[in-house]
């Protein structure tokens, strides 16, 4: 019975991870398509005299970079590994406190 629960937990984690990746790649795809459209519009309206579409690319790019950091656990301070270590640490402290009660 415990093995079945463990498999279900692994499946749910994998499904959640796939969902995160799917959202990120959707975000990346929409960013790319919109930036191509804005660049084309910029060129069509005034050539490359003033490349205003780069402002949108920069602003949205910051959001995309933040999304990538969260999705691929690139944050060295508060990534998934940090969360797992902290959860384990807190659980061990609780177990130690219960032993003395």
PDB file of N, CA and C in Angstrom:
ATOM      1  N   UNK A   1       0.826  -1.197   0.000  1.00  0.00           N
ATOM      2  CA  UNK A   1       0.000   0.000   0.000  1.00  0.00           C
ATOM      3  C   UNK A   1       0.869   1.260   0.000  1.00  0.00           C
ATOM      4  N   UNK A   2       1.961   1.223   0.784  1.00  0.00           N
ATOM      5  CA  UNK A   2       2.828   2.397   0.878  1.00  0.00           C
ATOM      6  C   UNK A   2       3.520   2.685  -0.452  1.00  0.00           C
ATOM      7  N   UNK A   3       3.896   1.622  -1.191  1.00  0.00           N
ATOM      8  CA  UNK A   3       4.528   1.800  -2.498  1.00  0.00           C
ATOM      9  C   UNK A   3       3.613   2.484  -3.483  1.00  0.00           C
ATOM     10  N   UNK A   4       2.317   2.153  -3.407  1.00  0.00           N
ATOM     11  CA  UNK A   4       1.330   2.770  -4.296  1.00  0.00           C
ATOM     12  C   UNK A   4       1.193   4.259  -3.995  1.00  0.00           C
ATOM     13  N   UNK A   5       1.194   4.606  -2.711  1.00  0.00           N
ATOM     14  CA  UNK A   5       1.116   6.018  -2.311  1.00  0.00           C
ATOM     15  C   UNK A   5       2.349   6.778  -2.787  1.00  0.00           C
ATOM     16  N   UNK A   6       3.515   6.138  -2.672  1.00  0.00           N
ATOM     17  CA  UNK A   6       4.763   6.759  -3.108  1.00  0.00           C
ATOM     18  C   UNK A   6       4.741   6.999  -4.621  1.00  0.00           C
ATOM     19  N   UNK A   7       4.219   6.030  -5.381  1.00  0.00           N
ATOM     20  CA  UNK A   7       4.114   6.202  -6.835  1.00  0.00           C
ATOM     21  C   UNK A   7       3.150   7.321  -7.185  1.00  0.00           C
ATOM     22  N   UNK A   8       2.040   7.409  -6.446  1.00  0.00           N
ATOM     23  CA  UNK A   8       1.077   8.493  -6.690  1.00  0.00           C
ATOM     24  C   UNK A   8       1.698   9.853  -6.420  1.00  0.00           C
ATOM     25  N   UNK A   9       2.476   9.936  -5.345  1.00  0.00           N
ATOM     26  CA  UNK A   9       3.145  11.189  -5.002  1.00  0.00           C
ATOM     27  C   UNK A   9       4.139  11.583  -6.091  1.00  0.00           C
ATOM     28  N   UNK A  10       4.911  10.607  -6.559  1.00  0.00           N
ATOM     29  CA  UNK A  10       5.876  10.879  -7.630  1.00  0.00           C
ATOM     30  C   UNK A  10       5.164  11.322  -8.899  1.00  0.00           C
ATOM     31  N   UNK A  11       4.057  10.668  -9.203  1.00  0.00           N
ATOM     32  CA  UNK A  11       3.287  11.026 -10.394  1.00  0.00           C
ATOM     33  C   UNK A  11       2.760  12.450 -10.292  1.00  0.00           C
ATOM     34  N   UNK A  12       2.218  12.807  -9.124  1.00  0.00           N
ATOM     35  CA  UNK A  12       1.675  14.160  -8.941  1.00  0.00           C
ATOM     36  C   UNK A  12       2.766  15.216  -9.046  1.00  0.00           C
ATOM     37  N   UNK A  13       3.945  14.923  -8.490  1.00  0.00           N
ATOM     38  CA  UNK A  13       5.068  15.868  -8.602  1.00  0.00           C
ATOM     39  C   UNK A  13       5.501  16.032 -10.053  1.00  0.00           C
ATOM     40  N   UNK A  14       5.588  14.902 -10.766  1.00  0.00           N
ATOM     41  CA  UNK A  14       5.990  14.958 -12.177  1.00  0.00           C
ATOM     42  C   UNK A  14       4.958  15.725 -12.997  1.00  0.00           C
ATOM     43  N   UNK A  15       3.680  15.496 -12.713  1.00  0.00           N
ATOM     44  CA  UNK A  15       2.614  16.196 -13.435  1.00  0.00           C
ATOM     45  C   UNK A  15       2.679  17.694 -13.165  1.00  0.00           C
ATOM     46  N   UNK A  16       2.948  18.067 -11.919  1.00  0.00           N
ATOM     47  CA  UNK A  16       3.081  19.483 -11.564  1.00  0.00           C
ATOM     48  C   UNK A  16       4.269  20.111 -12.281  1.00  0.00           C
ATOM     49  N   UNK A  17       5.370  19.385 -12.359  1.00  0.00           N
ATOM     50  CA  UNK A  17       6.574  19.882 -13.016  1.00  0.00           C
ATOM     51  C   UNK A  17       6.322  20.092 -14.513  1.00  0.00           C
ATOM     52  N   UNK A  18       5.639  19.134 -15.127  1.00  0.00           N
ATOM     53  CA  UNK A  18       5.310  19.251 -16.550  1.00  0.00           C
ATOM     54  C   UNK A  18       4.413  20.459 -16.772  1.00  0.00           C
ATOM     55  N   UNK A  19       3.485  20.702 -15.858  1.00  0.00           N
ATOM     56  CA  UNK A  19       2.619  21.874 -15.963  1.00  0.00           C
ATOM     57  C   UNK A  19       3.409  23.173 -15.897  1.00  0.00           C
ATOM     58  N   UNK A  20       4.403  23.216 -14.993  1.00  0.00           N
ATOM     59  CA  UNK A  20       5.254  24.410 -14.890  1.00  0.00           C
ATOM     60  C   UNK A  20       6.024  24.634 -16.180  1.00  0.00           C
ATOM     61  N   UNK A  21       6.600  23.564 -16.730  1.00  0.00           N
ATOM     62  CA  UNK A  21       7.358  23.676 -17.979  1.00  0.00           C
ATOM     63  C   UNK A  21       6.460  24.114 -19.131  1.00  0.00           C
ATOM     64  N   UNK A  22       5.257  23.564 -19.172  1.00  0.00           N
ATOM     65  CA  UNK A  22       4.315  23.909 -20.234  1.00  0.00           C
ATOM     66  C   UNK A  22       3.957  25.395 -20.172  1.00  0.00           C
ATOM     67  N   UNK A  23       3.724  25.911 -18.970  1.00  0.00           N
ATOM     68  CA  UNK A  23       3.412  27.335 -18.817  1.00  0.00           C
ATOM     69  C   UNK A  23       4.585  28.200 -19.268  1.00  0.00           C
ATOM     70  N   UNK A  24       5.805  27.806 -18.895  1.00  0.00           N
ATOM     71  CA  UNK A  24       6.966  28.602 -19.287  1.00  0.00           C
ATOM     72  C   UNK A  24       7.131  28.613 -20.798  1.00  0.00           C
ATOM     73  N   UNK A  25       7.040  27.443 -21.432  1.00  0.00           N
ATOM     74  CA  UNK A  25       7.218  27.396 -22.881  1.00  0.00           C
ATOM     75  C   UNK A  25       6.099  28.138 -23.608  1.00  0.00           C
ATOM     76  N   UNK A  26       4.910  28.143 -23.052  1.00  0.00           N
ATOM     77  CA  UNK A  26       3.831  28.956 -23.615  1.00  0.00           C
ATOM     78  C   UNK A  26       4.151  30.431 -23.512  1.00  0.00           C
ATOM     79  N   UNK A  27       4.698  30.834 -22.366  1.00  0.00           N
ATOM     80  CA  UNK A  27       5.102  32.224 -22.150  1.00  0.00           C
ATOM     81  C   UNK A  27       6.196  32.612 -23.149  1.00  0.00           C
ATOM     82  N   UNK A  28       7.179  31.734 -23.322  1.00  0.00           N
ATOM     83  CA  UNK A  28       8.277  31.990 -24.247  1.00  0.00           C
ATOM     84  C   UNK A  28       7.774  32.104 -25.684  1.00  0.00           C
ATOM     85  N   UNK A  29       6.853  31.227 -26.054  1.00  0.00           N
ATOM     86  CA  UNK A  29       6.296  31.257 -27.408  1.00  0.00           C
ATOM     87  C   UNK A  29       5.530  32.553 -27.656  1.00  0.00           C
ATOM     88  N   UNK A  30       4.686  32.943 -26.712  1.00  0.00           N
ATOM     89  CA  UNK A  30       3.922  34.181 -26.908  1.00  0.00           C
ATOM     90  C   UNK A  30       4.851  35.391 -26.941  1.00  0.00           C
ATOM     91  N   UNK A  31       5.893  35.397 -26.118  1.00  0.00           N
ATOM     92  CA  UNK A  31       6.879  36.486 -26.127  1.00  0.00           C
ATOM     93  C   UNK A  31       7.518  36.590 -27.511  1.00  0.00           C
ATOM     94  N   UNK A  32       7.949  35.456 -28.037  1.00  0.00           N
ATOM     95  CA  UNK A  32       8.621  35.452 -29.335  1.00  0.00           C
ATOM     96  C   UNK A  32       7.697  35.944 -30.448  1.00  0.00           C
ATOM     97  N   UNK A  33       6.482  35.426 -30.478  1.00  0.00           N
ATOM     98  CA  UNK A  33       5.551  35.821 -31.539  1.00  0.00           C
ATOM     99  C   UNK A  33       5.171  37.297 -31.453  1.00  0.00           C
ATOM    100  N   UNK A  34       4.922  37.785 -30.253  1.00  0.00           N
ATOM    101  CA  UNK A  34       4.549  39.198 -30.095  1.00  0.00           C
ATOM    102  C   UNK A  34       5.725  40.106 -30.436  1.00  0.00           C
ATOM    103  N   UNK A  35       6.928  39.734 -30.061  1.00  0.00           N
ATOM    104  CA  UNK A  35       8.091  40.574 -30.376  1.00  0.00           C
ATOM    105  C   UNK A  35       8.350  40.603 -31.878  1.00  0.00           C
ATOM    106  N   UNK A  36       8.132  39.476 -32.555  1.00  0.00           N
ATOM    107  CA  UNK A  36       8.273  39.466 -34.010  1.00  0.00           C
ATOM    108  C   UNK A  36       7.234  40.395 -34.644  1.00  0.00           C
ATOM    109  N   UNK A  37       6.004  40.319 -34.157  1.00  0.00           N
ATOM    110  CA  UNK A  37       4.948  41.186 -34.685  1.00  0.00           C
ATOM    111  C   UNK A  37       5.254  42.658 -34.412  1.00  0.00           C
ATOM    112  N   UNK A  38       5.704  42.964 -33.205  1.00  0.00           N
ATOM    113  CA  UNK A  38       6.026  44.362 -32.878  1.00  0.00           C
ATOM    114  C   UNK A  38       7.202  44.870 -33.701  1.00  0.00           C
ATOM    115  N   UNK A  39       8.209  44.017 -33.918  1.00  0.00           N
ATOM    116  CA  UNK A  39       9.355  44.424 -34.737  1.00  0.00           C
ATOM    117  C   UNK A  39       8.911  44.686 -36.171  1.00  0.00           C
ATOM    118  N   UNK A  40       8.042  43.828 -36.696  1.00  0.00           N
ATOM    119  CA  UNK A  40       7.537  44.031 -38.057  1.00  0.00           C
ATOM    120  C   UNK A  40       6.725  45.319 -38.141  1.00  0.00           C
ATOM    121  N   UNK A  41       5.883  45.557 -37.144  1.00  0.00           N
ATOM    122  CA  UNK A  41       5.092  46.782 -37.111  1.00  0.00           C
ATOM    123  C   UNK A  41       6.002  48.009 -37.013  1.00  0.00           C
ATOM    124  N   UNK A  42       7.016  47.914 -36.176  1.00  0.00           N
ATOM    125  CA  UNK A  42       7.972  49.011 -36.024  1.00  0.00           C
ATOM    126  C   UNK A  42       8.653  49.311 -37.356  1.00  0.00           C
ATOM    127  N   UNK A  43       9.067  48.284 -38.065  1.00  0.00           N
ATOM    128  CA  UNK A  43       9.725  48.472 -39.349  1.00  0.00           C
ATOM    129  C   UNK A  43       8.750  49.045 -40.380  1.00  0.00           C
ATOM    130  N   UNK A  44       7.524  48.551 -40.373  1.00  0.00           N
ATOM    131  CA  UNK A  44       6.517  48.985 -41.339  1.00  0.00           C
ATOM    132  C   UNK A  44       6.143  50.448 -41.130  1.00  0.00           C
ATOM    133  N   UNK A  45       6.041  50.880 -39.856  1.00  0.00           N
ATOM    134  CA  UNK A  45       5.603  52.246 -39.546  1.00  0.00           C
ATOM    135  C   UNK A  45       6.697  53.266 -39.846  1.00  0.00           C
ATOM    136  N   UNK A  46       7.919  53.027 -39.358  1.00  0.00           N
ATOM    137  CA  UNK A  46       8.951  54.049 -39.554  1.00  0.00           C
ATOM    138  C   UNK A  46      10.340  53.482 -39.852  1.00  0.00           C
ATOM    139  N   UNK A  47      10.356  52.294 -40.408  1.00  0.00           N
ATOM    140  CA  UNK A  47      11.659  51.693 -40.701  1.00  0.00           C
ATOM    141  C   UNK A  47      12.369  51.405 -39.390  1.00  0.00           C
ATOM    142  N   UNK A  48      13.652  51.500 -39.395  1.00  0.00           N
ATOM    143  CA  UNK A  48      14.399  51.282 -38.148  1.00  0.00           C
ATOM    144  C   UNK A  48      14.931  52.604 -37.593  1.00  0.00           C
ATOM    145  N   UNK A  49      14.244  53.714 -37.909  1.00  0.00           N
ATOM    146  CA  UNK A  49      14.718  55.003 -37.395  1.00  0.00           C
ATOM    147  C   UNK A  49      14.731  55.028 -35.869  1.00  0.00           C
ATOM    148  N   UNK A  50      13.688  54.517 -35.257  1.00  0.00           N
ATOM    149  CA  UNK A  50      13.641  54.411 -33.791  1.00  0.00           C
ATOM    150  C   UNK A  50      13.035  53.052 -33.464  1.00  0.00           C
ATOM    151  N   UNK A  51      13.817  52.192 -32.873  1.00  0.00           N
ATOM    152  CA  UNK A  51      13.363  50.828 -32.589  1.00  0.00           C
ATOM    153  C   UNK A  51      12.663  50.764 -31.241  1.00  0.00           C
ATOM    154  N   UNK A  52      11.436  51.266 -31.197  1.00  0.00           N
ATOM    155  CA  UNK A  52      10.661  51.331 -29.965  1.00  0.00           C
ATOM    156  C   UNK A  52      10.234  49.956 -29.468  1.00  0.00           C
ATOM    157  N   UNK A  53      10.167  48.970 -30.343  1.00  0.00           N
ATOM    158  CA  UNK A  53       9.736  47.641 -29.909  1.00  0.00           C
ATOM    159  C   UNK A  53      10.720  47.022 -28.900  1.00  0.00           C
ATOM    160  N   UNK A  54      11.951  47.534 -28.882  1.00  0.00           N
ATOM    161  CA  UNK A  54      12.939  47.014 -27.930  1.00  0.00           C
ATOM    162  C   UNK A  54      12.555  47.335 -26.490  1.00  0.00           C
ATOM    163  N   UNK A  55      11.818  48.429 -26.275  1.00  0.00           N
ATOM    164  CA  UNK A  55      11.363  48.745 -24.920  1.00  0.00           C
ATOM    165  C   UNK A  55      10.411  47.665 -24.412  1.00  0.00           C
ATOM    166  N   UNK A  56       9.501  47.245 -25.277  1.00  0.00           N
ATOM    167  CA  UNK A  56       8.571  46.172 -24.904  1.00  0.00           C
ATOM    168  C   UNK A  56       9.321  44.858 -24.709  1.00  0.00           C
ATOM    169  N   UNK A  57      10.291  44.594 -25.582  1.00  0.00           N
ATOM    170  CA  UNK A  57      11.072  43.359 -25.469  1.00  0.00           C
ATOM    171  C   UNK A  57      11.851  43.337 -24.155  1.00  0.00           C
ATOM    172  N   UNK A  58      12.395  44.475 -23.773  1.00  0.00           N
ATOM    173  CA  UNK A  58      13.155  44.556 -22.524  1.00  0.00           C
ATOM    174  C   UNK A  58      12.252  44.360 -21.308  1.00  0.00           C
ATOM    175  N   UNK A  59      11.133  45.070 -21.276  1.00  0.00           N
ATOM    176  CA  UNK A  59      10.226  44.977 -20.129  1.00  0.00           C
ATOM    177  C   UNK A  59       9.654  43.589 -19.956  1.00  0.00           C
ATOM    178  N   UNK A  60       9.148  43.026 -21.034  1.00  0.00           N
ATOM    179  CA  UNK A  60       8.569  41.692 -20.973  1.00  0.00           C
ATOM    180  C   UNK A  60       9.674  40.657 -20.741  1.00  0.00           C
ATOM    181  N   UNK A  61      10.862  40.932 -21.271  1.00  0.00           N
ATOM    182  CA  UNK A  61      12.001  40.026 -21.095  1.00  0.00           C
ATOM    183  C   UNK A  61      12.388  39.860 -19.635  1.00  0.00           C
ATOM    184  N   UNK A  62      12.244  40.941 -18.849  1.00  0.00           N
ATOM    185  CA  UNK A  62      12.515  40.839 -17.410  1.00  0.00           C
ATOM    186  C   UNK A  62      11.542  39.850 -16.768  1.00  0.00           C
ATOM    187  N   UNK A  63      10.274  39.951 -17.126  1.00  0.00           N
ATOM    188  CA  UNK A  63       9.282  39.017 -16.604  1.00  0.00           C
ATOM    189  C   UNK A  63       9.549  37.592 -17.053  1.00  0.00           C
ATOM    190  N   UNK A  64       9.945  37.428 -18.300  1.00  0.00           N
ATOM    191  CA  UNK A  64      10.266  36.105 -18.831  1.00  0.00           C
ATOM    192  C   UNK A  64      11.476  35.513 -18.109  1.00  0.00           C
ATOM    193  N   UNK A  65      12.473  36.340 -17.846  1.00  0.00           N
ATOM    194  CA  UNK A  65      13.658  35.863 -17.115  1.00  0.00           C
ATOM    195  C   UNK A  65      13.286  35.425 -15.700  1.00  0.00           C
ATOM    196  N   UNK A  66      12.417  36.181 -15.049  1.00  0.00           N
ATOM    197  CA  UNK A  66      11.970  35.804 -13.705  1.00  0.00           C
ATOM    198  C   UNK A  66      11.205  34.483 -13.751  1.00  0.00           C
ATOM    199  N   UNK A  67      10.386  34.298 -14.770  1.00  0.00           N
ATOM    200  CA  UNK A  67       9.651  33.052 -14.931  1.00  0.00           C
ATOM    201  C   UNK A  67      10.626  31.888 -15.142  1.00  0.00           C
ATOM    202  N   UNK A  68      11.667  32.092 -15.934  1.00  0.00           N
ATOM    203  CA  UNK A  68      12.669  31.051 -16.175  1.00  0.00           C
ATOM    204  C   UNK A  68      13.412  30.694 -14.890  1.00  0.00           C
ATOM    205  N   UNK A  69      13.740  31.705 -14.098  1.00  0.00           N
ATOM    206  CA  UNK A  69      14.431  31.458 -12.830  1.00  0.00           C
ATOM    207  C   UNK A  69      13.580  30.571 -11.927  1.00  0.00           C
ATOM    208  N   UNK A  70      12.290  30.852 -11.874  1.00  0.00           N
ATOM    209  CA  UNK A  70      11.401  30.036 -11.053  1.00  0.00           C
ATOM    210  C   UNK A  70      11.179  28.641 -11.607  1.00  0.00           C
ATOM    211  N   UNK A  71      11.042  28.538 -12.916  1.00  0.00           N
ATOM    212  CA  UNK A  71      10.750  27.252 -13.545  1.00  0.00           C
ATOM    213  C   UNK A  71      11.949  26.315 -13.497  1.00  0.00           C
ATOM    214  N   UNK A  72      13.119  26.819 -13.762  1.00  0.00           N
ATOM    215  CA  UNK A  72      14.308  25.966 -13.850  1.00  0.00           C
ATOM    216  C   UNK A  72      15.159  25.999 -12.585  1.00  0.00           C
ATOM    217  N   UNK A  73      14.614  26.544 -11.508  1.00  0.00           N
ATOM    218  CA  UNK A  73      15.294  26.571 -10.202  1.00  0.00           C
ATOM    219  C   UNK A  73      16.686  27.189 -10.301  1.00  0.00           C
ATOM    220  N   UNK A  74      16.779  28.313 -10.953  1.00  0.00           N
ATOM    221  CA  UNK A  74      18.062  28.986 -11.151  1.00  0.00           C
ATOM    222  C   UNK A  74      18.403  29.935 -10.009  1.00  0.00           C
ATOM    223  N   UNK A  75      17.469  30.130  -9.076  1.00  0.00           N
ATOM    224  CA  UNK A  75      17.711  31.019  -7.948  1.00  0.00           C
ATOM    225  C   UNK A  75      18.595  30.299  -6.927  1.00  0.00           C
ATOM    226  N   UNK A  76      19.826  30.759  -6.723  1.00  0.00           N
ATOM    227  CA  UNK A  76      20.725  30.057  -5.805  1.00  0.00           C
ATOM    228  C   UNK A  76      20.346  30.226  -4.337  1.00  0.00           C
ATOM    229  N   UNK A  77      19.502  31.173  -4.024  1.00  0.00           N
ATOM    230  CA  UNK A  77      19.180  31.436  -2.628  1.00  0.00           C
ATOM    231  C   UNK A  77      17.921  30.723  -2.161  1.00  0.00           C
ATOM    232  N   UNK A  78      16.854  30.788  -2.951  1.00  0.00           N
ATOM    233  CA  UNK A  78      15.576  30.229  -2.524  1.00  0.00           C
ATOM    234  C   UNK A  78      14.986  29.286  -3.561  1.00  0.00           C
ATOM    235  N   UNK A  79      15.800  28.391  -4.105  1.00  0.00           N
ATOM    236  CA  UNK A  79      15.322  27.432  -5.089  1.00  0.00           C
ATOM    237  C   UNK A  79      14.652  26.240  -4.424  1.00  0.00           C
ATOM    238  N   UNK A  80      14.325  25.240  -5.234  1.00  0.00           N
ATOM    239  CA  UNK A  80      13.647  24.036  -4.737  1.00  0.00           C
ATOM    240  C   UNK A  80      14.531  23.288  -3.742  1.00  0.00           C
ATOM    241  N   UNK A  81      15.841  23.257  -3.983  1.00  0.00           N
ATOM    242  CA  UNK A  81      16.734  22.558  -3.048  1.00  0.00           C
ATOM    243  C   UNK A  81      16.694  23.208  -1.674  1.00  0.00           C
ATOM    244  N   UNK A  82      16.644  24.526  -1.659  1.00  0.00           N
ATOM    245  CA  UNK A  82      16.566  25.233  -0.387  1.00  0.00           C
ATOM    246  C   UNK A  82      15.270  24.884   0.320  1.00  0.00           C
ATOM    247  N   UNK A  83      14.164  24.848  -0.427  1.00  0.00           N
ATOM    248  CA  UNK A  83      12.871  24.505   0.158  1.00  0.00           C
ATOM    249  C   UNK A  83      12.913  23.114   0.770  1.00  0.00           C
ATOM    250  N   UNK A  84      13.450  22.162   0.036  1.00  0.00           N
ATOM    251  CA  UNK A  84      13.509  20.789   0.534  1.00  0.00           C
ATOM    252  C   UNK A  84      14.373  20.690   1.785  1.00  0.00           C
ATOM    253  N   UNK A  85      15.505  21.370   1.791  1.00  0.00           N
ATOM    254  CA  UNK A  85      16.376  21.349   2.978  1.00  0.00           C
ATOM    255  C   UNK A  85      15.675  21.966   4.177  1.00  0.00           C
ATOM    256  N   UNK A  86      14.986  23.080   3.960  1.00  0.00           N
ATOM    257  CA  UNK A  86      14.291  23.766   5.049  1.00  0.00           C
ATOM    258  C   UNK A  86      13.155  22.906   5.596  1.00  0.00           C
ATOM    259  N   UNK A  87      12.390  22.271   4.710  1.00  0.00           N
ATOM    260  CA  UNK A  87      11.299  21.404   5.150  1.00  0.00           C
ATOM    261  C   UNK A  87      11.849  20.263   5.997  1.00  0.00           C
ATOM    262  N   UNK A  88      12.927  19.651   5.521  1.00  0.00           N
ATOM    263  CA  UNK A  88      13.546  18.544   6.264  1.00  0.00           C
ATOM    264  C   UNK A  88      14.052  19.018   7.624  1.00  0.00           C
ATOM    265  N   UNK A  89      14.672  20.192   7.645  1.00  0.00           N
ATOM    266  CA  UNK A  89      15.197  20.756   8.903  1.00  0.00           C
ATOM    267  C   UNK A  89      14.071  21.010   9.906  1.00  0.00           C
ATOM    268  N   UNK A  90      12.986  21.601   9.448  1.00  0.00           N
ATOM    269  CA  UNK A  90      11.853  21.901  10.339  1.00  0.00           C
ATOM    270  C   UNK A  90      11.219  20.616  10.850  1.00  0.00           C
ATOM    271  N   UNK A  91      11.078  19.617   9.972  1.00  0.00           N
ATOM    272  CA  UNK A  91      10.493  18.346  10.392  1.00  0.00           C
ATOM    273  C   UNK A  91      11.372  17.654  11.431  1.00  0.00           C
ATOM    274  N   UNK A  92      12.694  17.722  11.258  1.00  0.00           N
ATOM    275  CA  UNK A  92      13.608  17.114  12.224  1.00  0.00           C
ATOM    276  C   UNK A  92      13.535  17.831  13.569  1.00  0.00           C
ATOM    277  N   UNK A  93      13.414  19.161  13.547  1.00  0.00           N
ATOM    278  CA  UNK A  93      13.289  19.912  14.799  1.00  0.00           C
ATOM    279  C   UNK A  93      12.013  19.529  15.530  1.00  0.00           C
ATOM    280  N   UNK A  94      10.907  19.377  14.787  1.00  0.00           N
ATOM    281  CA  UNK A  94       9.646  18.973  15.404  1.00  0.00           C
ATOM    282  C   UNK A  94       9.759  17.595  16.026  1.00  0.00           C
ATOM    283  N   UNK A  95      10.415  16.682  15.334  1.00  0.00           N
ATOM    284  CA  UNK A  95      10.594  15.326  15.870  1.00  0.00           C
ATOM    285  C   UNK A  95      11.439  15.345  17.141  1.00  0.00           C
ATOM    286  N   UNK A  96      12.482  16.170  17.153  1.00  0.00           N
ATOM    287  CA  UNK A  96      13.335  16.280  18.346  1.00  0.00           C
ATOM    288  C   UNK A  96      12.557  16.860  19.515  1.00  0.00           C
ATOM    289  N   UNK A  97      11.708  17.850  19.255  1.00  0.00           N
ATOM    290  CA  UNK A  97      10.922  18.462  20.328  1.00  0.00           C
ATOM    291  C   UNK A  97       9.913  17.472  20.898  1.00  0.00           C
ATOM    292  N   UNK A  98       9.336  16.653  20.064  1.00  0.00           N
ATOM    293  CA  UNK A  98       8.343  15.676  20.510  1.00  0.00           C
ATOM    294  C   UNK A  98       8.989  14.584  21.376  1.00  0.00           C
ATOM    295  N   UNK A  99      10.248  14.271  21.104  1.00  0.00           N
ATOM    296  CA  UNK A  99      10.952  13.260  21.900  1.00  0.00           C
ATOM    297  C   UNK A  99      11.091  13.691  23.350  1.00  0.00           C
ATOM    298  N   UNK A 100      11.218  14.980  23.594  1.00  0.00           N
ATOM    299  CA  UNK A 100      11.448  15.490  24.942  1.00  0.00           C
ATOM    300  C   UNK A 100      10.160  15.843  25.670  1.00  0.00           C
ATOM    301  N   UNK A 101       9.037  15.722  25.028  1.00  0.00           N
ATOM    302  CA  UNK A 101       7.775  16.068  25.690  1.00  0.00           C
ATOM    303  C   UNK A 101       7.194  14.876  26.401  1.00  0.00           C
TER     304      UNK A 101
END
